Amino acid sequence: MKKIYSLLPLLLFSVLAIAQSPQSFNYQAIVRDVSGNALVDQAVGVQISILQGSAGGTAVYVERFTPTTNDYGLINIQVGAGAVQSGTFNTIDWANGPYFLKTEIDDTGGTTYTKMGTNKLISVPYALYAETADNLEIDGQTEGDLLYYISNEWKSLPKGIPGQVLAIDPSGEPSWINLLSAPVPVAKSYEVISGQGLKLSGEVDPGRIPTTAHFELSTDESFADVVSTTDTIICGCGNISISSVLEPVPSNGTWYFRLVATNQYGNVNSNILEVVINE
């Protein structure tokens, strides 16, 4: 009798291609003898156990198969569709893991099994998991909300708005942040350049998208009648300095100026600064 030397498992969660959540998932493995040669065209006995919590944890489900290897020593079985020895596959709580898959083989096709290994299920067959999640209800949940599992409980995050991205903080909690946003202009200072013009300066955070900005000058704070500089196009993130010169120098008196910035998320006026001209 040949003794089993090695088993190369290949977990294939083919449930991704199935519309409804199936109660099984594919498991493939190459069976080899003590010399490392593949066992070709041979019936083998296989026992699969799903263990909860650790590699030595409680078996929540055990089943058996008698597949025949192909020309390459490959077996292909559906975990969840074998001859059940204990447990119920469709009642496994995949959220309450981790889970491990223990494989045992009898190369004669019988039930005198040799343990071949235990592997952690890194990716729970999520179509199976989704079948449970589909029935979740959380107070205040509305269409489009994001459900997530943290600290042994399900929580709900309201859906974001266009221009936001999902971020995860160090504790694992998700939140929406504004990656793209309306501009933030700030009027900063002015300088009278004698005989030439009035230099106006400010800063704009363009919100990471192309933004136009210009200064407006008026004799009253309502800006009912304004003189405007030419639009400047800026893009980037963080505060970007901008300045323009109005020619010639406006007449003596008290004036007011502001910085106006516009992108697809809004048209925003800055703070208003007073300008005193006495040439």
C-alpha atoms as a PDB file:
ATOM      1  CA  MET A   1       0.000   0.000   0.000  1.00  0.00           C
ATOM      2  CA  LYS A   2       1.249   3.439  -0.870  1.00  0.00           C
ATOM      3  CA  LYS A   3       1.550   5.961   1.908  1.00  0.00           C
ATOM      4  CA  ILE A   4       0.497   9.541   1.432  1.00  0.00           C
ATOM      5  CA  TYR A   5       3.448  11.878   1.314  1.00  0.00           C
ATOM      6  CA  SER A   6       1.975  15.247   0.551  1.00  0.00           C
ATOM      7  CA  LEU A   7      -1.154  17.104  -0.370  1.00  0.00           C
ATOM      8  CA  LEU A   8      -1.167  20.382  -2.260  1.00  0.00           C
ATOM      9  CA  PRO A   9      -4.493  22.076  -1.523  1.00  0.00           C
ATOM     10  CA  LEU A  10      -6.033  24.699  -3.774  1.00  0.00           C
ATOM     11  CA  LEU A  11      -9.082  26.445  -2.357  1.00  0.00           C
ATOM     12  CA  LEU A  12     -11.160  27.883  -5.155  1.00  0.00           C
ATOM     13  CA  PHE A  13     -14.119  29.966  -4.050  1.00  0.00           C
ATOM     14  CA  SER A  14     -16.005  29.555  -7.318  1.00  0.00           C
ATOM     15  CA  VAL A  15     -19.148  30.775  -5.588  1.00  0.00           C
ATOM     16  CA  LEU A  16     -18.244  34.182  -7.067  1.00  0.00           C
ATOM     17  CA  ALA A  17     -19.712  33.094 -10.385  1.00  0.00           C
ATOM     18  CA  ILE A  18     -23.037  31.891  -8.985  1.00  0.00           C
ATOM     19  CA  ALA A  19     -26.006  34.230  -8.673  1.00  0.00           C
ATOM     20  CA  GLN A  20     -27.478  32.722  -5.508  1.00  0.00           C
ATOM     21  CA  SER A  21     -25.408  31.870  -2.455  1.00  0.00           C
ATOM     22  CA  PRO A  22     -24.580  28.138  -2.775  1.00  0.00           C
ATOM     23  CA  GLN A  23     -24.110  25.872   0.225  1.00  0.00           C
ATOM     24  CA  SER A  24     -20.683  24.602  -0.879  1.00  0.00           C
ATOM     25  CA  PHE A  25     -17.350  25.754  -2.237  1.00  0.00           C
ATOM     26  CA  ASN A  26     -14.704  24.134  -4.428  1.00  0.00           C
ATOM     27  CA  TYR A  27     -11.655  22.410  -2.967  1.00  0.00           C
ATOM     28  CA  GLN A  28      -8.879  21.004  -5.159  1.00  0.00           C
ATOM     29  CA  ALA A  29      -5.737  19.164  -4.106  1.00  0.00           C
ATOM     30  CA  ILE A  30      -2.926  17.157  -5.673  1.00  0.00           C
ATOM     31  CA  VAL A  31      -2.344  13.834  -3.894  1.00  0.00           C
ATOM     32  CA  ARG A  32       1.219  12.453  -3.896  1.00  0.00           C
ATOM     33  CA  ASP A  33       2.860   9.280  -2.597  1.00  0.00           C
ATOM     34  CA  VAL A  34       5.865   8.972  -0.316  1.00  0.00           C
ATOM     35  CA  SER A  35       8.227   9.466  -3.280  1.00  0.00           C
ATOM     36  CA  GLY A  36       6.502  12.670  -4.297  1.00  0.00           C
ATOM     37  CA  ASN A  37       4.805  11.125  -7.327  1.00  0.00           C
ATOM     38  CA  ALA A  38       1.216  12.089  -8.068  1.00  0.00           C
ATOM     39  CA  LEU A  39      -1.341   9.339  -7.434  1.00  0.00           C
ATOM     40  CA  VAL A  40      -2.894   9.062 -10.894  1.00  0.00           C
ATOM     41  CA  ASP A  41      -6.371   7.685 -11.678  1.00  0.00           C
ATOM     42  CA  GLN A  42      -6.826   6.304  -8.179  1.00  0.00           C
ATOM     43  CA  ALA A  43      -9.818   6.347  -5.850  1.00  0.00           C
ATOM     44  CA  VAL A  44      -8.977   7.932  -2.503  1.00  0.00           C
ATOM     45  CA  GLY A  45     -10.896   8.507   0.698  1.00  0.00           C
ATOM     46  CA  VAL A  46     -11.068  12.116   1.889  1.00  0.00           C
ATOM     47  CA  GLN A  47     -12.367  13.472   5.187  1.00  0.00           C
ATOM     48  CA  ILE A  48     -12.855  17.228   5.523  1.00  0.00           C
ATOM     49  CA  SER A  49     -13.373  18.927   8.882  1.00  0.00           C
ATOM     50  CA  ILE A  50     -14.131  22.612   9.428  1.00  0.00           C
ATOM     51  CA  LEU A  51     -12.651  23.699  12.743  1.00  0.00           C
ATOM     52  CA  GLN A  52     -13.654  26.841  14.618  1.00  0.00           C
ATOM     53  CA  GLY A  53     -11.318  29.169  16.489  1.00  0.00           C
ATOM     54  CA  SER A  54      -7.935  27.533  15.873  1.00  0.00           C
ATOM     55  CA  ALA A  55      -6.134  24.710  14.048  1.00  0.00           C
ATOM     56  CA  GLY A  56      -6.991  22.495  17.022  1.00  0.00           C
ATOM     57  CA  GLY A  57     -10.459  23.910  17.512  1.00  0.00           C
ATOM     58  CA  THR A  58     -13.867  22.281  17.656  1.00  0.00           C
ATOM     59  CA  ALA A  59     -15.056  20.556  14.470  1.00  0.00           C
ATOM     60  CA  VAL A  60     -18.333  22.272  13.591  1.00  0.00           C
ATOM     61  CA  TYR A  61     -18.722  20.227  10.411  1.00  0.00           C
ATOM     62  CA  VAL A  62     -17.243  16.912   9.168  1.00  0.00           C
ATOM     63  CA  GLU A  63     -17.884  15.165   5.837  1.00  0.00           C
ATOM     64  CA  ARG A  64     -16.374  12.421   3.665  1.00  0.00           C
ATOM     65  CA  PHE A  65     -15.709  11.906  -0.047  1.00  0.00           C
ATOM     66  CA  THR A  66     -14.375   9.131  -2.303  1.00  0.00           C
ATOM     67  CA  PRO A  67     -13.081  11.020  -5.366  1.00  0.00           C
ATOM     68  CA  THR A  68     -10.799   9.604  -8.063  1.00  0.00           C
ATOM     69  CA  THR A  69      -7.629  11.495  -8.946  1.00  0.00           C
ATOM     70  CA  ASN A  70      -7.131  12.558 -12.566  1.00  0.00           C
ATOM     71  CA  ASP A  71      -4.084  12.180 -14.814  1.00  0.00           C
ATOM     72  CA  TYR A  72      -2.246  14.740 -12.694  1.00  0.00           C
ATOM     73  CA  GLY A  73      -3.202  13.382  -9.284  1.00  0.00           C
ATOM     74  CA  LEU A  74      -5.779  16.128  -8.832  1.00  0.00           C
ATOM     75  CA  ILE A  75      -8.984  15.718  -6.860  1.00  0.00           C
ATOM     76  CA  ASN A  76     -11.848  18.166  -7.038  1.00  0.00           C
ATOM     77  CA  ILE A  77     -14.569  18.152  -4.386  1.00  0.00           C
ATOM     78  CA  GLN A  78     -17.358  20.429  -3.216  1.00  0.00           C
ATOM     79  CA  VAL A  79     -16.946  21.193   0.488  1.00  0.00           C
ATOM     80  CA  GLY A  80     -20.448  21.163   1.909  1.00  0.00           C
ATOM     81  CA  ALA A  81     -21.731  18.520  -0.522  1.00  0.00           C
ATOM     82  CA  GLY A  82     -20.109  15.354   0.873  1.00  0.00           C
ATOM     83  CA  ALA A  83     -21.394  12.543   3.079  1.00  0.00           C
ATOM     84  CA  VAL A  84     -22.053  14.390   6.337  1.00  0.00           C
ATOM     85  CA  GLN A  85     -20.593  12.862   9.487  1.00  0.00           C
ATOM     86  CA  SER A  86     -21.485  15.680  11.882  1.00  0.00           C
ATOM     87  CA  GLY A  87     -22.707  19.264  11.851  1.00  0.00           C
ATOM     88  CA  THR A  88     -24.749  21.223   9.315  1.00  0.00           C
ATOM     89  CA  PHE A  89     -22.878  23.185   6.668  1.00  0.00           C
ATOM     90  CA  ASN A  90     -25.540  25.820   5.989  1.00  0.00           C
ATOM     91  CA  THR A  91     -25.755  26.814   9.666  1.00  0.00           C
ATOM     92  CA  ILE A  92     -22.039  27.649  10.044  1.00  0.00           C
ATOM     93  CA  ASP A  93     -21.741  31.218  11.330  1.00  0.00           C
ATOM     94  CA  TRP A  94     -18.901  32.474   9.095  1.00  0.00           C
ATOM     95  CA  ALA A  95     -18.828  35.762  11.019  1.00  0.00           C
ATOM     96  CA  ASN A  96     -17.840  33.931  14.184  1.00  0.00           C
ATOM     97  CA  GLY A  97     -14.407  32.751  12.987  1.00  0.00           C
ATOM     98  CA  PRO A  98     -11.654  32.224  12.312  1.00  0.00           C
ATOM     99  CA  TYR A  99     -12.205  28.834  10.653  1.00  0.00           C
ATOM    100  CA  PHE A 100      -9.721  26.158   9.614  1.00  0.00           C
ATOM    101  CA  LEU A 101      -9.962  23.341   7.072  1.00  0.00           C
ATOM    102  CA  LYS A 102      -8.502  19.985   8.174  1.00  0.00           C
ATOM    103  CA  THR A 103      -7.847  17.409   5.450  1.00  0.00           C
ATOM    104  CA  GLU A 104      -7.397  13.649   5.969  1.00  0.00           C
ATOM    105  CA  ILE A 105      -6.682  11.075   3.243  1.00  0.00           C
ATOM    106  CA  ASP A 106      -6.845   7.289   2.801  1.00  0.00           C
ATOM    107  CA  ASP A 107      -5.029   6.388  -0.416  1.00  0.00           C
ATOM    108  CA  THR A 108      -6.852   3.042  -0.687  1.00  0.00           C
ATOM    109  CA  GLY A 109     -10.245   4.728  -0.917  1.00  0.00           C
ATOM    110  CA  GLY A 110     -11.256   3.571   2.562  1.00  0.00           C
ATOM    111  CA  THR A 111     -11.765   5.367   5.857  1.00  0.00           C
ATOM    112  CA  THR A 112      -8.424   4.740   7.557  1.00  0.00           C
ATOM    113  CA  TYR A 113      -7.400   8.353   7.270  1.00  0.00           C
ATOM    114  CA  THR A 114      -4.022   9.999   7.623  1.00  0.00           C
ATOM    115  CA  LYS A 115      -4.049  13.656   8.606  1.00  0.00           C
ATOM    116  CA  MET A 116      -2.496  15.762   5.841  1.00  0.00           C
ATOM    117  CA  GLY A 117      -2.762  19.247   7.262  1.00  0.00           C
ATOM    118  CA  THR A 118      -4.910  22.054   8.569  1.00  0.00           C
ATOM    119  CA  ASN A 119      -5.182  25.375   6.727  1.00  0.00           C
ATOM    120  CA  LYS A 120      -6.777  28.612   7.867  1.00  0.00           C
ATOM    121  CA  LEU A 121      -9.611  29.865   5.694  1.00  0.00           C
ATOM    122  CA  ILE A 122      -8.163  33.311   5.098  1.00  0.00           C
ATOM    123  CA  SER A 123     -11.073  34.338   2.877  1.00  0.00           C
ATOM    124  CA  VAL A 124     -14.424  33.081   4.074  1.00  0.00           C
ATOM    125  CA  PRO A 125     -16.502  32.009   1.037  1.00  0.00           C
ATOM    126  CA  TYR A 126     -18.196  35.355   1.010  1.00  0.00           C
ATOM    127  CA  ALA A 127     -21.262  34.357  -0.974  1.00  0.00           C
ATOM    128  CA  LEU A 128     -22.056  32.059   1.961  1.00  0.00           C
ATOM    129  CA  TYR A 129     -21.323  34.867   4.405  1.00  0.00           C
ATOM    130  CA  ALA A 130     -23.423  37.285   2.358  1.00  0.00           C
ATOM    131  CA  GLU A 131     -26.429  35.006   2.699  1.00  0.00           C
ATOM    132  CA  THR A 132     -26.328  35.680   6.436  1.00  0.00           C
ATOM    133  CA  ALA A 133     -25.517  39.377   6.040  1.00  0.00           C
ATOM    134  CA  ASP A 134     -28.460  39.791   3.638  1.00  0.00           C
ATOM    135  CA  ASN A 135     -30.841  39.291   6.540  1.00  0.00           C
ATOM    136  CA  LEU A 136     -29.231  41.863   8.829  1.00  0.00           C
ATOM    137  CA  GLU A 137     -31.307  44.779  10.028  1.00  0.00           C
ATOM    138  CA  ILE A 138     -29.835  47.681  11.972  1.00  0.00           C
ATOM    139  CA  ASP A 139     -31.868  50.493  13.527  1.00  0.00           C
ATOM    140  CA  GLY A 140     -31.903  53.544  11.280  1.00  0.00           C
ATOM    141  CA  GLN A 141     -30.458  51.702   8.299  1.00  0.00           C
ATOM    142  CA  THR A 142     -31.423  53.205   4.923  1.00  0.00           C
ATOM    143  CA  GLU A 143     -30.813  52.201   1.323  1.00  0.00           C
ATOM    144  CA  GLY A 144     -27.184  52.652   0.298  1.00  0.00           C
ATOM    145  CA  ASP A 145     -25.763  52.460   3.833  1.00  0.00           C
ATOM    146  CA  LEU A 146     -22.530  50.530   4.347  1.00  0.00           C
ATOM    147  CA  LEU A 147     -22.659  47.649   6.853  1.00  0.00           C
ATOM    148  CA  TYR A 148     -19.446  46.634   8.602  1.00  0.00           C
ATOM    149  CA  TYR A 149     -18.484  44.281  11.440  1.00  0.00           C
ATOM    150  CA  ILE A 150     -16.232  45.526  14.243  1.00  0.00           C
ATOM    151  CA  SER A 151     -15.800  44.786  17.960  1.00  0.00           C
ATOM    152  CA  ASN A 152     -18.171  41.806  17.728  1.00  0.00           C
ATOM    153  CA  GLU A 153     -21.089  43.814  16.385  1.00  0.00           C
ATOM    154  CA  TRP A 154     -22.565  45.035  13.109  1.00  0.00           C
ATOM    155  CA  LYS A 155     -22.653  48.766  12.481  1.00  0.00           C
ATOM    156  CA  SER A 156     -24.002  50.991   9.739  1.00  0.00           C
ATOM    157  CA  LEU A 157     -22.287  53.915   7.983  1.00  0.00           C
ATOM    158  CA  PRO A 158     -24.544  56.270   5.994  1.00  0.00           C
ATOM    159  CA  LYS A 159     -23.711  56.434   2.306  1.00  0.00           C
ATOM    160  CA  GLY A 160     -21.296  59.146   1.217  1.00  0.00           C
ATOM    161  CA  ILE A 161     -21.711  61.881  -1.367  1.00  0.00           C
ATOM    162  CA  PRO A 162     -19.974  62.386  -4.732  1.00  0.00           C
ATOM    163  CA  GLY A 163     -16.344  63.412  -4.248  1.00  0.00           C
ATOM    164  CA  GLN A 164     -15.868  61.515  -0.970  1.00  0.00           C
ATOM    165  CA  VAL A 165     -13.701  58.436  -0.420  1.00  0.00           C
ATOM    166  CA  LEU A 166     -13.841  55.776   2.281  1.00  0.00           C
ATOM    167  CA  ALA A 167     -11.044  55.903   4.875  1.00  0.00           C
ATOM    168  CA  ILE A 168     -10.259  53.521   7.748  1.00  0.00           C
ATOM    169  CA  ASP A 169      -8.942  54.951  11.031  1.00  0.00           C
ATOM    170  CA  PRO A 170      -6.368  53.105  13.221  1.00  0.00           C
ATOM    171  CA  SER A 171      -9.137  51.417  15.224  1.00  0.00           C
ATOM    172  CA  GLY A 172     -10.656  49.948  12.065  1.00  0.00           C
ATOM    173  CA  GLU A 173     -13.668  52.274  11.938  1.00  0.00           C
ATOM    174  CA  PRO A 174     -14.590  53.471   8.406  1.00  0.00           C
ATOM    175  CA  SER A 175     -15.593  57.048   7.609  1.00  0.00           C
ATOM    176  CA  TRP A 176     -16.126  59.217   4.555  1.00  0.00           C
ATOM    177  CA  ILE A 177     -13.647  62.004   3.830  1.00  0.00           C
ATOM    178  CA  ASN A 178     -13.762  64.729   1.225  1.00  0.00           C
ATOM    179  CA  LEU A 179     -11.149  63.996  -1.385  1.00  0.00           C
ATOM    180  CA  LEU A 180     -12.609  66.548  -3.775  1.00  0.00           C
ATOM    181  CA  SER A 181     -14.322  69.639  -2.420  1.00  0.00           C
ATOM    182  CA  ALA A 182     -15.348  73.243  -2.978  1.00  0.00           C
ATOM    183  CA  PRO A 183     -12.425  75.719  -2.907  1.00  0.00           C
ATOM    184  CA  VAL A 184     -11.409  77.663   0.193  1.00  0.00           C
ATOM    185  CA  PRO A 185     -10.202  81.199  -0.666  1.00  0.00           C
ATOM    186  CA  VAL A 186      -8.607  83.602   1.837  1.00  0.00           C
ATOM    187  CA  ALA A 187      -7.868  87.279   1.198  1.00  0.00           C
ATOM    188  CA  LYS A 188      -4.492  88.066   2.791  1.00  0.00           C
ATOM    189  CA  SER A 189      -3.014  91.500   2.019  1.00  0.00           C
ATOM    190  CA  TYR A 190      -2.677  94.404  -0.402  1.00  0.00           C
ATOM    191  CA  GLU A 191       0.098  96.698  -1.551  1.00  0.00           C
ATOM    192  CA  VAL A 192      -0.180 100.064  -3.276  1.00  0.00           C
ATOM    193  CA  ILE A 193       2.515 100.261  -5.939  1.00  0.00           C
ATOM    194  CA  SER A 194       2.833 103.997  -6.439  1.00  0.00           C
ATOM    195  CA  GLY A 195       2.132 105.092  -9.980  1.00  0.00           C
ATOM    196  CA  GLN A 196       1.527 101.511 -11.146  1.00  0.00           C
ATOM    197  CA  GLY A 197      -1.365  99.732  -9.489  1.00  0.00           C
ATOM    198  CA  LEU A 198      -2.844  97.907  -6.513  1.00  0.00           C
ATOM    199  CA  LYS A 199      -1.445  94.463  -5.756  1.00  0.00           C
ATOM    200  CA  LEU A 200      -3.934  92.092  -4.085  1.00  0.00           C
ATOM    201  CA  SER A 201      -2.797  88.811  -2.510  1.00  0.00           C
ATOM    202  CA  GLY A 202      -4.452  85.737  -1.061  1.00  0.00           C
ATOM    203  CA  GLU A 203      -4.474  81.959  -0.859  1.00  0.00           C
ATOM    204  CA  VAL A 204      -6.759  79.278  -2.270  1.00  0.00           C
ATOM    205  CA  ASP A 205      -7.136  75.605  -1.404  1.00  0.00           C
ATOM    206  CA  PRO A 206      -8.592  74.363  -4.713  1.00  0.00           C
ATOM    207  CA  GLY A 207      -9.905  71.087  -3.318  1.00  0.00           C
ATOM    208  CA  ARG A 208      -7.662  68.941  -5.554  1.00  0.00           C
ATOM    209  CA  ILE A 209      -9.464  69.877  -8.766  1.00  0.00           C
ATOM    210  CA  PRO A 210      -9.062  72.686 -11.343  1.00  0.00           C
ATOM    211  CA  THR A 211     -10.287  75.954  -9.851  1.00  0.00           C
ATOM    212  CA  THR A 212     -10.530  79.502 -11.168  1.00  0.00           C
ATOM    213  CA  ALA A 213      -9.840  82.442  -8.864  1.00  0.00           C
ATOM    214  CA  HIS A 214      -9.967  86.228  -9.160  1.00  0.00           C
ATOM    215  CA  PHE A 215     -10.025  89.290  -6.910  1.00  0.00           C
ATOM    216  CA  GLU A 216     -12.914  91.700  -6.665  1.00  0.00           C
ATOM    217  CA  LEU A 217     -12.592  95.358  -5.533  1.00  0.00           C
ATOM    218  CA  SER A 218     -15.507  97.526  -4.537  1.00  0.00           C
ATOM    219  CA  THR A 219     -16.269 100.782  -2.778  1.00  0.00           C
ATOM    220  CA  ASP A 220     -18.773  99.032  -0.469  1.00  0.00           C
ATOM    221  CA  GLU A 221     -18.867  95.741   1.401  1.00  0.00           C
ATOM    222  CA  SER A 222     -21.949  94.555  -0.493  1.00  0.00           C
ATOM    223  CA  PHE A 223     -19.864  94.428  -3.685  1.00  0.00           C
ATOM    224  CA  ALA A 224     -22.763  95.804  -5.699  1.00  0.00           C
ATOM    225  CA  ASP A 225     -20.318  97.440  -8.124  1.00  0.00           C
ATOM    226  CA  VAL A 226     -17.003  95.636  -8.564  1.00  0.00           C
ATOM    227  CA  VAL A 227     -13.766  95.777 -10.476  1.00  0.00           C
ATOM    228  CA  SER A 228     -12.388  92.276 -11.106  1.00  0.00           C
ATOM    229  CA  THR A 229      -8.989  90.883 -12.000  1.00  0.00           C
ATOM    230  CA  THR A 230      -8.516  88.241 -14.695  1.00  0.00           C
ATOM    231  CA  ASP A 231      -9.258  84.646 -13.675  1.00  0.00           C
ATOM    232  CA  THR A 232      -6.287  82.502 -12.688  1.00  0.00           C
ATOM    233  CA  ILE A 233      -6.526  78.719 -13.029  1.00  0.00           C
ATOM    234  CA  ILE A 234      -5.015  76.686 -10.190  1.00  0.00           C
ATOM    235  CA  CYS A 235      -5.035  73.025  -9.160  1.00  0.00           C
ATOM    236  CA  GLY A 236      -3.604  70.983  -6.319  1.00  0.00           C
ATOM    237  CA  CYS A 237      -4.146  70.537  -2.620  1.00  0.00           C
ATOM    238  CA  GLY A 238      -3.354  72.781   0.310  1.00  0.00           C
ATOM    239  CA  ASN A 239      -3.096  76.553   0.253  1.00  0.00           C
ATOM    240  CA  ILE A 240      -1.746  78.012  -2.989  1.00  0.00           C
ATOM    241  CA  SER A 241      -0.674  81.658  -3.051  1.00  0.00           C
ATOM    242  CA  ILE A 242      -2.189  83.920  -5.668  1.00  0.00           C
ATOM    243  CA  SER A 243      -1.799  87.644  -6.430  1.00  0.00           C
ATOM    244  CA  SER A 244      -2.914  90.079  -9.103  1.00  0.00           C
ATOM    245  CA  VAL A 245      -2.305  93.759  -9.864  1.00  0.00           C
ATOM    246  CA  LEU A 246      -5.131  96.147 -10.697  1.00  0.00           C
ATOM    247  CA  GLU A 247      -3.968  99.001 -12.966  1.00  0.00           C
ATOM    248  CA  PRO A 248      -3.953 101.883 -12.479  1.00  0.00           C
ATOM    249  CA  VAL A 249      -4.083 102.649  -8.762  1.00  0.00           C
ATOM    250  CA  PRO A 250      -7.744 103.192  -7.773  1.00  0.00           C
ATOM    251  CA  SER A 251      -8.788 106.658  -6.642  1.00  0.00           C
ATOM    252  CA  ASN A 252      -8.120 107.751  -3.057  1.00  0.00           C
ATOM    253  CA  GLY A 253     -10.537 106.544  -0.454  1.00  0.00           C
ATOM    254  CA  THR A 254     -11.660 103.360   1.287  1.00  0.00           C
ATOM    255  CA  TRP A 255     -12.123 100.241  -0.783  1.00  0.00           C
ATOM    256  CA  TYR A 256     -12.859  96.597  -0.047  1.00  0.00           C
ATOM    257  CA  PHE A 257     -11.523  93.473  -1.691  1.00  0.00           C
ATOM    258  CA  ARG A 258     -12.177  89.745  -1.611  1.00  0.00           C
ATOM    259  CA  LEU A 259     -10.974  86.634  -3.366  1.00  0.00           C
ATOM    260  CA  VAL A 260     -13.506  84.543  -5.318  1.00  0.00           C
ATOM    261  CA  ALA A 261     -12.776  80.889  -6.210  1.00  0.00           C
ATOM    262  CA  THR A 262     -14.918  78.529  -8.290  1.00  0.00           C
ATOM    263  CA  ASN A 263     -14.813  74.827  -9.148  1.00  0.00           C
ATOM    264  CA  GLN A 264     -17.420  72.159  -9.903  1.00  0.00           C
ATOM    265  CA  TYR A 265     -18.266  71.840  -6.202  1.00  0.00           C
ATOM    266  CA  GLY A 266     -18.988  75.484  -5.521  1.00  0.00           C
ATOM    267  CA  ASN A 267     -18.433  79.207  -5.954  1.00  0.00           C
ATOM    268  CA  VAL A 268     -16.943  80.631  -2.740  1.00  0.00           C
ATOM    269  CA  ASN A 269     -16.240  84.204  -1.611  1.00  0.00           C
ATOM    270  CA  SER A 270     -13.405  84.820   0.820  1.00  0.00           C
ATOM    271  CA  ASN A 271     -13.253  87.128   3.802  1.00  0.00           C
ATOM    272  CA  ILE A 272     -13.365  90.872   3.051  1.00  0.00           C
ATOM    273  CA  LEU A 273     -10.404  93.178   3.707  1.00  0.00           C
ATOM    274  CA  GLU A 274     -10.420  96.960   3.786  1.00  0.00           C
ATOM    275  CA  VAL A 275      -8.107  98.909   1.485  1.00  0.00           C
ATOM    276  CA  VAL A 276      -7.188 102.547   2.214  1.00  0.00           C
ATOM    277  CA  ILE A 277      -5.663 104.483  -0.677  1.00  0.00           C
ATOM    278  CA  ASN A 278      -4.127 107.917  -0.195  1.00  0.00           C
ATOM    279  CA  GLU A 279      -1.809 108.667  -3.079  1.00  0.00           C
END
